[in-house]
Amino acid sequence: MSLRPLPSSLTPTAMRASCSSRGQRRDAAQRGFTLLEVLVALTIIAVALTAALRGAMALTSNSQDVNLKLYAILAAENQLLELRFGRAQVSVGESRFDCEQGGVVFRCSQSVTQTPNPFFRRVEVRVASTGDNTREFADLMALLPVN
């Protein structure tokens, strides 16, 4: 059995050279992006950034609402505490006044009504925003003793 030498085109170095030259030609033809591919990618990025911006704005708006609600609850609690610890008699009726908490001015309304027990009054304090677009932020109720 005798071994014959391989033809020169089938030697490993010739095969490697042949494969690499074909790959280089293929890579050179497909090296960049088409204008259509770039526009599609930019459109996808624009949609994603717009959605992210809307989400961030919603979180910011929600944070402001939470702060206003907290200030409104504190203003209502302060009004009830003033009535509870004040020496003045809690009289039946309704009143409206401006109340401030945390640098924010709210429109407060206080309603005092009778209860079945003559020694207590039902006091309800509502806190709303000022201006044309009135929005109620807090509504607290307490039973206070008659002084």
N, C-alpha and C. Protein backbone atom coordinates (compact mmCIF):
# COMPACT_ATOMS: atom_id res chain seq x y z
N MET A 1 0.82 -1.14 0.00
CA MET A 1 0.00 0.00 0.00
C MET A 1 0.89 1.23 0.00
N SER A 2 0.64 2.01 -0.99
CA SER A 2 1.45 3.22 -1.10
C SER A 2 0.55 4.43 -0.95
N LEU A 3 1.07 5.42 -0.33
CA LEU A 3 0.33 6.67 -0.11
C LEU A 3 0.63 7.63 -1.23
N ARG A 4 -0.41 8.12 -1.79
CA ARG A 4 -0.22 9.14 -2.84
C ARG A 4 -0.33 10.52 -2.22
N PRO A 5 0.43 11.42 -2.74
CA PRO A 5 0.30 12.79 -2.22
C PRO A 5 -1.02 13.41 -2.66
N LEU A 6 -1.57 14.30 -1.82
CA LEU A 6 -2.82 15.00 -2.11
C LEU A 6 -2.59 16.05 -3.18
N PRO A 7 -3.61 16.30 -3.98
CA PRO A 7 -3.45 17.41 -4.93
C PRO A 7 -3.27 18.72 -4.14
N SER A 8 -2.65 19.68 -4.76
CA SER A 8 -2.31 20.94 -4.08
C SER A 8 -3.54 21.71 -3.65
N SER A 9 -4.68 21.53 -4.31
CA SER A 9 -5.89 22.25 -3.91
C SER A 9 -6.55 21.65 -2.68
N LEU A 10 -6.19 20.43 -2.30
CA LEU A 10 -6.80 19.78 -1.14
C LEU A 10 -5.91 19.79 0.09
N THR A 11 -4.79 20.44 0.07
CA THR A 11 -3.94 20.52 1.25
C THR A 11 -4.59 21.45 2.27
N PRO A 12 -4.34 21.24 3.55
CA PRO A 12 -4.99 22.06 4.58
C PRO A 12 -4.70 23.54 4.44
N THR A 13 -3.50 23.92 4.08
CA THR A 13 -3.20 25.35 3.94
C THR A 13 -3.92 25.94 2.75
N ALA A 14 -4.05 25.21 1.67
CA ALA A 14 -4.77 25.72 0.50
C ALA A 14 -6.25 25.85 0.80
N MET A 15 -6.79 24.89 1.56
CA MET A 15 -8.21 24.94 1.90
C MET A 15 -8.51 26.12 2.83
N ARG A 16 -7.60 26.36 3.79
CA ARG A 16 -7.78 27.50 4.69
C ARG A 16 -7.73 28.81 3.94
N ALA A 17 -6.80 28.94 3.03
CA ALA A 17 -6.67 30.17 2.25
C ALA A 17 -7.90 30.38 1.39
N SER A 18 -8.43 29.32 0.82
CA SER A 18 -9.61 29.42 -0.02
C SER A 18 -10.82 29.84 0.81
N CYS A 19 -11.02 29.29 2.01
CA CYS A 19 -12.16 29.62 2.87
C CYS A 19 -12.07 31.05 3.38
N SER A 20 -10.86 31.46 3.78
CA SER A 20 -10.73 32.80 4.33
C SER A 20 -10.93 33.86 3.26
N SER A 21 -10.53 33.61 2.04
CA SER A 21 -10.72 34.62 0.99
C SER A 21 -12.19 34.75 0.64
N ARG A 22 -12.94 33.65 0.66
CA ARG A 22 -14.38 33.74 0.41
C ARG A 22 -15.08 34.49 1.54
N GLY A 23 -14.72 34.23 2.80
CA GLY A 23 -15.33 34.91 3.94
C GLY A 23 -15.06 36.40 3.93
N GLN A 24 -13.86 36.78 3.51
CA GLN A 24 -13.52 38.19 3.46
C GLN A 24 -14.37 38.89 2.41
N ARG A 25 -14.60 38.27 1.29
CA ARG A 25 -15.42 38.89 0.26
C ARG A 25 -16.87 39.03 0.76
N ARG A 26 -17.36 38.04 1.46
CA ARG A 26 -18.73 38.08 1.97
C ARG A 26 -18.86 39.17 3.03
N ASP A 27 -17.89 39.30 3.96
CA ASP A 27 -17.92 40.32 5.00
C ASP A 27 -17.83 41.72 4.42
N ALA A 28 -17.05 41.90 3.39
CA ALA A 28 -16.90 43.23 2.79
C ALA A 28 -18.21 43.69 2.16
N ALA A 29 -19.00 42.78 1.63
CA ALA A 29 -20.26 43.16 1.00
C ALA A 29 -21.33 43.46 2.06
N GLN A 30 -21.26 42.88 3.27
CA GLN A 30 -22.28 43.06 4.29
C GLN A 30 -21.77 43.85 5.49
N ARG A 31 -20.91 44.77 5.28
CA ARG A 31 -20.26 45.45 6.39
C ARG A 31 -21.14 46.51 7.07
N GLY A 32 -22.02 47.23 6.40
CA GLY A 32 -22.78 48.33 7.01
C GLY A 32 -24.25 48.00 7.14
N PHE A 33 -25.00 49.01 7.67
CA PHE A 33 -26.45 48.90 7.81
C PHE A 33 -27.10 49.69 6.69
N THR A 34 -28.26 49.25 6.27
CA THR A 34 -29.00 50.01 5.27
C THR A 34 -29.72 51.15 5.97
N LEU A 35 -30.15 52.11 5.18
CA LEU A 35 -30.86 53.26 5.74
C LEU A 35 -32.17 52.82 6.39
N LEU A 36 -32.84 51.86 5.80
CA LEU A 36 -34.08 51.35 6.36
C LEU A 36 -33.85 50.71 7.74
N GLU A 37 -32.80 49.95 7.89
CA GLU A 37 -32.49 49.33 9.19
C GLU A 37 -32.21 50.39 10.25
N VAL A 38 -31.51 51.43 9.88
CA VAL A 38 -31.20 52.52 10.82
C VAL A 38 -32.49 53.23 11.23
N LEU A 39 -33.39 53.50 10.28
CA LEU A 39 -34.65 54.18 10.61
C LEU A 39 -35.53 53.32 11.51
N VAL A 40 -35.58 52.03 11.26
CA VAL A 40 -36.36 51.14 12.11
C VAL A 40 -35.79 51.13 13.53
N ALA A 41 -34.48 51.07 13.66
CA ALA A 41 -33.85 51.08 14.98
C ALA A 41 -34.13 52.39 15.71
N LEU A 42 -34.05 53.51 15.01
CA LEU A 42 -34.34 54.80 15.64
C LEU A 42 -35.79 54.91 16.06
N THR A 43 -36.70 54.36 15.28
CA THR A 43 -38.11 54.38 15.64
C THR A 43 -38.35 53.56 16.91
N ILE A 44 -37.74 52.42 17.00
CA ILE A 44 -37.89 51.58 18.20
C ILE A 44 -37.34 52.30 19.43
N ILE A 45 -36.20 52.94 19.29
CA ILE A 45 -35.60 53.67 20.41
C ILE A 45 -36.49 54.85 20.81
N ALA A 46 -37.06 55.55 19.82
CA ALA A 46 -37.93 56.69 20.13
C ALA A 46 -39.17 56.25 20.89
N VAL A 47 -39.78 55.16 20.49
CA VAL A 47 -40.97 54.65 21.18
C VAL A 47 -40.61 54.25 22.61
N ALA A 48 -39.49 53.58 22.79
CA ALA A 48 -39.07 53.16 24.13
C ALA A 48 -38.79 54.37 25.03
N LEU A 49 -38.14 55.38 24.51
CA LEU A 49 -37.85 56.57 25.32
C LEU A 49 -39.11 57.34 25.66
N THR A 50 -40.06 57.39 24.72
CA THR A 50 -41.33 58.07 25.01
C THR A 50 -42.09 57.36 26.12
N ALA A 51 -42.11 56.04 26.08
CA ALA A 51 -42.78 55.29 27.14
C ALA A 51 -42.09 55.50 28.48
N ALA A 52 -40.78 55.53 28.49
CA ALA A 52 -40.04 55.76 29.73
C ALA A 52 -40.32 57.16 30.28
N LEU A 53 -40.41 58.15 29.39
CA LEU A 53 -40.68 59.53 29.82
C LEU A 53 -42.08 59.64 30.41
N ARG A 54 -43.06 59.00 29.79
CA ARG A 54 -44.42 59.02 30.34
C ARG A 54 -44.46 58.36 31.71
N GLY A 55 -43.75 57.28 31.87
CA GLY A 55 -43.70 56.61 33.16
C GLY A 55 -43.08 57.50 34.23
N ALA A 56 -42.01 58.18 33.88
CA ALA A 56 -41.35 59.07 34.84
C ALA A 56 -42.26 60.23 35.22
N MET A 57 -42.98 60.78 34.24
CA MET A 57 -43.89 61.89 34.53
C MET A 57 -45.05 61.43 35.41
N ALA A 58 -45.55 60.21 35.19
CA ALA A 58 -46.63 59.69 36.02
C ALA A 58 -46.16 59.52 37.46
N LEU A 59 -44.93 59.04 37.65
CA LEU A 59 -44.39 58.88 39.00
C LEU A 59 -44.23 60.23 39.69
N THR A 60 -43.79 61.24 38.94
CA THR A 60 -43.62 62.58 39.51
C THR A 60 -44.97 63.16 39.93
N SER A 61 -45.97 63.01 39.07
CA SER A 61 -47.30 63.51 39.39
C SER A 61 -47.88 62.78 40.59
N ASN A 62 -47.70 61.48 40.65
CA ASN A 62 -48.18 60.69 41.78
C ASN A 62 -47.51 61.12 43.08
N SER A 63 -46.23 61.43 43.02
CA SER A 63 -45.50 61.87 44.20
C SER A 63 -46.06 63.21 44.71
N GLN A 64 -46.38 64.12 43.81
CA GLN A 64 -46.95 65.40 44.22
C GLN A 64 -48.32 65.21 44.86
N ASP A 65 -49.14 64.31 44.31
CA ASP A 65 -50.45 64.04 44.89
C ASP A 65 -50.34 63.45 46.29
N VAL A 66 -49.37 62.57 46.47
CA VAL A 66 -49.17 61.96 47.79
C VAL A 66 -48.76 63.04 48.80
N ASN A 67 -47.90 63.96 48.41
CA ASN A 67 -47.50 65.05 49.31
C ASN A 67 -48.69 65.93 49.66
N LEU A 68 -49.52 66.29 48.66
CA LEU A 68 -50.68 67.13 48.94
C LEU A 68 -51.67 66.41 49.86
N LYS A 69 -51.85 65.13 49.65
CA LYS A 69 -52.77 64.37 50.51
C LYS A 69 -52.24 64.31 51.95
N LEU A 70 -50.94 64.12 52.09
CA LEU A 70 -50.34 64.10 53.43
C LEU A 70 -50.54 65.44 54.12
N TYR A 71 -50.26 66.56 53.42
CA TYR A 71 -50.45 67.88 54.01
C TYR A 71 -51.92 68.14 54.37
N ALA A 72 -52.83 67.66 53.53
CA ALA A 72 -54.26 67.86 53.79
C ALA A 72 -54.69 67.09 55.04
N ILE A 73 -54.22 65.86 55.18
CA ILE A 73 -54.56 65.07 56.37
C ILE A 73 -54.00 65.72 57.63
N LEU A 74 -52.78 66.23 57.53
CA LEU A 74 -52.20 66.93 58.69
C LEU A 74 -52.99 68.18 59.04
N ALA A 75 -53.46 68.92 58.03
CA ALA A 75 -54.26 70.13 58.30
C ALA A 75 -55.57 69.76 58.97
N ALA A 76 -56.22 68.69 58.50
CA ALA A 76 -57.49 68.26 59.12
C ALA A 76 -57.27 67.78 60.55
N GLU A 77 -56.21 67.01 60.77
CA GLU A 77 -55.91 66.54 62.13
C GLU A 77 -55.61 67.72 63.05
N ASN A 78 -54.88 68.72 62.55
CA ASN A 78 -54.59 69.90 63.37
C ASN A 78 -55.86 70.63 63.77
N GLN A 79 -56.81 70.75 62.84
CA GLN A 79 -58.07 71.42 63.15
C GLN A 79 -58.85 70.66 64.21
N LEU A 80 -58.89 69.33 64.08
CA LEU A 80 -59.59 68.53 65.10
C LEU A 80 -58.90 68.62 66.46
N LEU A 81 -57.57 68.65 66.46
CA LEU A 81 -56.85 68.79 67.74
C LEU A 81 -57.08 70.16 68.36
N GLU A 82 -57.17 71.21 67.55
CA GLU A 82 -57.46 72.54 68.09
C GLU A 82 -58.83 72.56 68.75
N LEU A 83 -59.79 71.89 68.13
CA LEU A 83 -61.13 71.84 68.73
C LEU A 83 -61.13 70.99 70.00
N ARG A 84 -60.40 69.90 69.99
CA ARG A 84 -60.37 68.99 71.14
C ARG A 84 -59.70 69.64 72.35
N PHE A 85 -58.57 70.32 72.13
CA PHE A 85 -57.83 70.88 73.25
C PHE A 85 -58.14 72.34 73.52
N GLY A 86 -58.94 72.95 72.67
CA GLY A 86 -59.31 74.35 72.88
C GLY A 86 -60.34 74.48 73.98
N ARG A 87 -60.40 75.62 74.57
CA ARG A 87 -61.35 75.85 75.66
C ARG A 87 -62.71 76.32 75.14
N ALA A 88 -62.81 76.65 73.87
CA ALA A 88 -64.07 77.16 73.34
C ALA A 88 -65.06 76.01 73.16
N GLN A 89 -66.35 76.35 73.27
CA GLN A 89 -67.39 75.33 73.13
C GLN A 89 -67.55 74.99 71.65
N VAL A 90 -67.75 73.69 71.40
CA VAL A 90 -67.95 73.23 70.03
C VAL A 90 -69.42 73.43 69.71
N SER A 91 -69.70 74.42 68.85
CA SER A 91 -71.10 74.75 68.54
C SER A 91 -71.51 74.11 67.22
N VAL A 92 -72.80 73.77 67.13
CA VAL A 92 -73.35 73.12 65.94
C VAL A 92 -73.37 74.12 64.79
N GLY A 93 -73.00 73.67 63.61
CA GLY A 93 -73.02 74.52 62.42
C GLY A 93 -71.90 74.17 61.45
N GLU A 94 -71.83 74.94 60.38
CA GLU A 94 -70.81 74.73 59.35
C GLU A 94 -69.98 76.00 59.20
N SER A 95 -68.71 75.81 58.90
CA SER A 95 -67.82 76.95 58.64
C SER A 95 -66.81 76.56 57.58
N ARG A 96 -66.35 77.56 56.86
CA ARG A 96 -65.33 77.36 55.82
C ARG A 96 -64.22 78.38 56.05
N PHE A 97 -63.01 77.93 55.87
CA PHE A 97 -61.85 78.78 56.10
C PHE A 97 -60.66 78.22 55.35
N ASP A 98 -59.65 79.07 55.16
CA ASP A 98 -58.40 78.62 54.54
C ASP A 98 -57.50 78.05 55.62
N CYS A 99 -56.84 76.95 55.32
CA CYS A 99 -55.88 76.37 56.24
C CYS A 99 -54.61 76.06 55.47
N GLU A 100 -53.48 76.26 56.14
CA GLU A 100 -52.18 76.08 55.49
C GLU A 100 -51.41 74.97 56.18
N GLN A 101 -50.74 74.18 55.38
CA GLN A 101 -49.88 73.13 55.92
C GLN A 101 -48.74 72.91 54.93
N GLY A 102 -47.52 72.96 55.40
CA GLY A 102 -46.36 72.71 54.55
C GLY A 102 -46.20 73.71 53.43
N GLY A 103 -46.66 74.93 53.64
CA GLY A 103 -46.56 75.95 52.60
C GLY A 103 -47.64 75.86 51.55
N VAL A 104 -48.61 74.96 51.71
CA VAL A 104 -49.70 74.80 50.75
C VAL A 104 -50.98 75.29 51.41
N VAL A 105 -51.73 76.15 50.71
CA VAL A 105 -52.98 76.68 51.24
C VAL A 105 -54.13 75.82 50.72
N PHE A 106 -54.95 75.33 51.65
CA PHE A 106 -56.11 74.51 51.32
C PHE A 106 -57.38 75.24 51.72
N ARG A 107 -58.50 74.77 51.21
CA ARG A 107 -59.81 75.27 51.61
C ARG A 107 -60.42 74.22 52.53
N CYS A 108 -60.62 74.57 53.81
CA CYS A 108 -61.16 73.64 54.79
C CYS A 108 -62.61 73.98 55.09
N SER A 109 -63.40 72.94 55.29
CA SER A 109 -64.78 73.12 55.73
C SER A 109 -65.01 72.22 56.93
N GLN A 110 -65.69 72.79 57.92
CA GLN A 110 -65.92 72.08 59.18
C GLN A 110 -67.42 72.01 59.43
N SER A 111 -67.89 70.81 59.71
CA SER A 111 -69.31 70.61 59.98
C SER A 111 -69.47 69.96 61.34
N VAL A 112 -70.23 70.62 62.23
CA VAL A 112 -70.48 70.11 63.58
C VAL A 112 -71.97 69.80 63.68
N THR A 113 -72.28 68.56 64.04
CA THR A 113 -73.68 68.15 64.17
C THR A 113 -73.91 67.49 65.52
N GLN A 114 -75.20 67.39 65.89
CA GLN A 114 -75.59 66.76 67.14
C GLN A 114 -75.44 65.24 67.01
N THR A 115 -75.30 64.58 68.15
CA THR A 115 -75.29 63.11 68.20
C THR A 115 -76.44 62.67 69.12
N PRO A 116 -76.78 61.40 69.10
CA PRO A 116 -77.82 60.93 70.04
C PRO A 116 -77.43 61.16 71.51
N ASN A 117 -76.14 61.16 71.78
CA ASN A 117 -75.66 61.44 73.13
C ASN A 117 -75.45 62.96 73.24
N PRO A 118 -76.16 63.65 74.16
CA PRO A 118 -76.05 65.12 74.23
C PRO A 118 -74.69 65.62 74.72
N PHE A 119 -73.83 64.74 75.20
CA PHE A 119 -72.53 65.17 75.72
C PHE A 119 -71.43 65.16 74.64
N PHE A 120 -71.77 64.75 73.43
CA PHE A 120 -70.79 64.68 72.34
C PHE A 120 -71.33 65.35 71.08
N ARG A 121 -70.41 65.85 70.29
CA ARG A 121 -70.72 66.43 68.98
C ARG A 121 -69.91 65.69 67.91
N ARG A 122 -70.52 65.51 66.75
CA ARG A 122 -69.84 64.90 65.61
C ARG A 122 -69.23 66.02 64.78
N VAL A 123 -67.91 65.99 64.63
CA VAL A 123 -67.20 67.03 63.87
C VAL A 123 -66.56 66.38 62.64
N GLU A 124 -66.85 66.95 61.49
CA GLU A 124 -66.28 66.46 60.24
C GLU A 124 -65.51 67.60 59.57
N VAL A 125 -64.25 67.33 59.26
CA VAL A 125 -63.40 68.33 58.61
C VAL A 125 -63.02 67.81 57.23
N ARG A 126 -63.30 68.63 56.22
CA ARG A 126 -62.94 68.29 54.84
C ARG A 126 -61.91 69.30 54.36
N VAL A 127 -60.89 68.78 53.68
CA VAL A 127 -59.82 69.63 53.15
C VAL A 127 -59.78 69.45 51.64
N ALA A 128 -59.87 70.55 50.91
CA ALA A 128 -59.87 70.52 49.45
C ALA A 128 -58.87 71.54 48.92
N SER A 129 -58.57 71.42 47.66
CA SER A 129 -57.66 72.37 47.02
C SER A 129 -58.39 73.69 46.78
N THR A 130 -57.64 74.73 46.63
CA THR A 130 -58.23 76.04 46.34
C THR A 130 -58.28 76.22 44.83
N GLY A 131 -59.09 77.15 44.38
CA GLY A 131 -59.16 77.44 42.95
C GLY A 131 -60.41 76.87 42.31
N ASP A 132 -60.45 76.93 40.99
CA ASP A 132 -61.63 76.49 40.25
C ASP A 132 -61.77 74.97 40.24
N ASN A 133 -60.66 74.27 40.05
CA ASN A 133 -60.68 72.81 39.99
C ASN A 133 -60.54 72.25 41.40
N THR A 134 -61.63 72.26 42.16
CA THR A 134 -61.59 71.84 43.55
C THR A 134 -61.52 70.32 43.63
N ARG A 135 -60.57 69.84 44.38
CA ARG A 135 -60.38 68.41 44.58
C ARG A 135 -60.24 68.17 46.08
N GLU A 136 -61.02 67.24 46.60
CA GLU A 136 -60.98 66.95 48.03
C GLU A 136 -59.84 65.98 48.33
N PHE A 137 -58.99 66.37 49.28
CA PHE A 137 -57.83 65.55 49.63
C PHE A 137 -58.01 64.78 50.92
N ALA A 138 -58.81 65.30 51.86
CA ALA A 138 -58.96 64.64 53.15
C ALA A 138 -60.37 64.87 53.68
N ASP A 139 -60.87 63.89 54.42
CA ASP A 139 -62.17 63.97 55.07
C ASP A 139 -62.07 63.19 56.37
N LEU A 140 -61.97 63.91 57.49
CA LEU A 140 -61.81 63.25 58.79
C LEU A 140 -63.02 63.58 59.67
N MET A 141 -63.39 62.61 60.52
CA MET A 141 -64.50 62.77 61.43
C MET A 141 -64.07 62.37 62.83
N ALA A 142 -64.60 63.10 63.82
CA ALA A 142 -64.28 62.78 65.21
C ALA A 142 -65.50 63.11 66.07
N LEU A 143 -65.58 62.45 67.20
CA LEU A 143 -66.58 62.77 68.20
C LEU A 143 -65.88 63.52 69.32
N LEU A 144 -66.35 64.73 69.57
CA LEU A 144 -65.72 65.57 70.59
C LEU A 144 -66.70 65.83 71.72
N PRO A 145 -66.20 65.90 72.95
CA PRO A 145 -67.09 66.18 74.07
C PRO A 145 -67.51 67.64 74.05
N VAL A 146 -68.71 67.88 74.56
CA VAL A 146 -69.21 69.25 74.68
C VAL A 146 -68.54 69.86 75.90
N ASN A 147 -67.96 71.07 75.75
CA ASN A 147 -67.26 71.72 76.86
C ASN A 147 -68.22 72.41 77.79
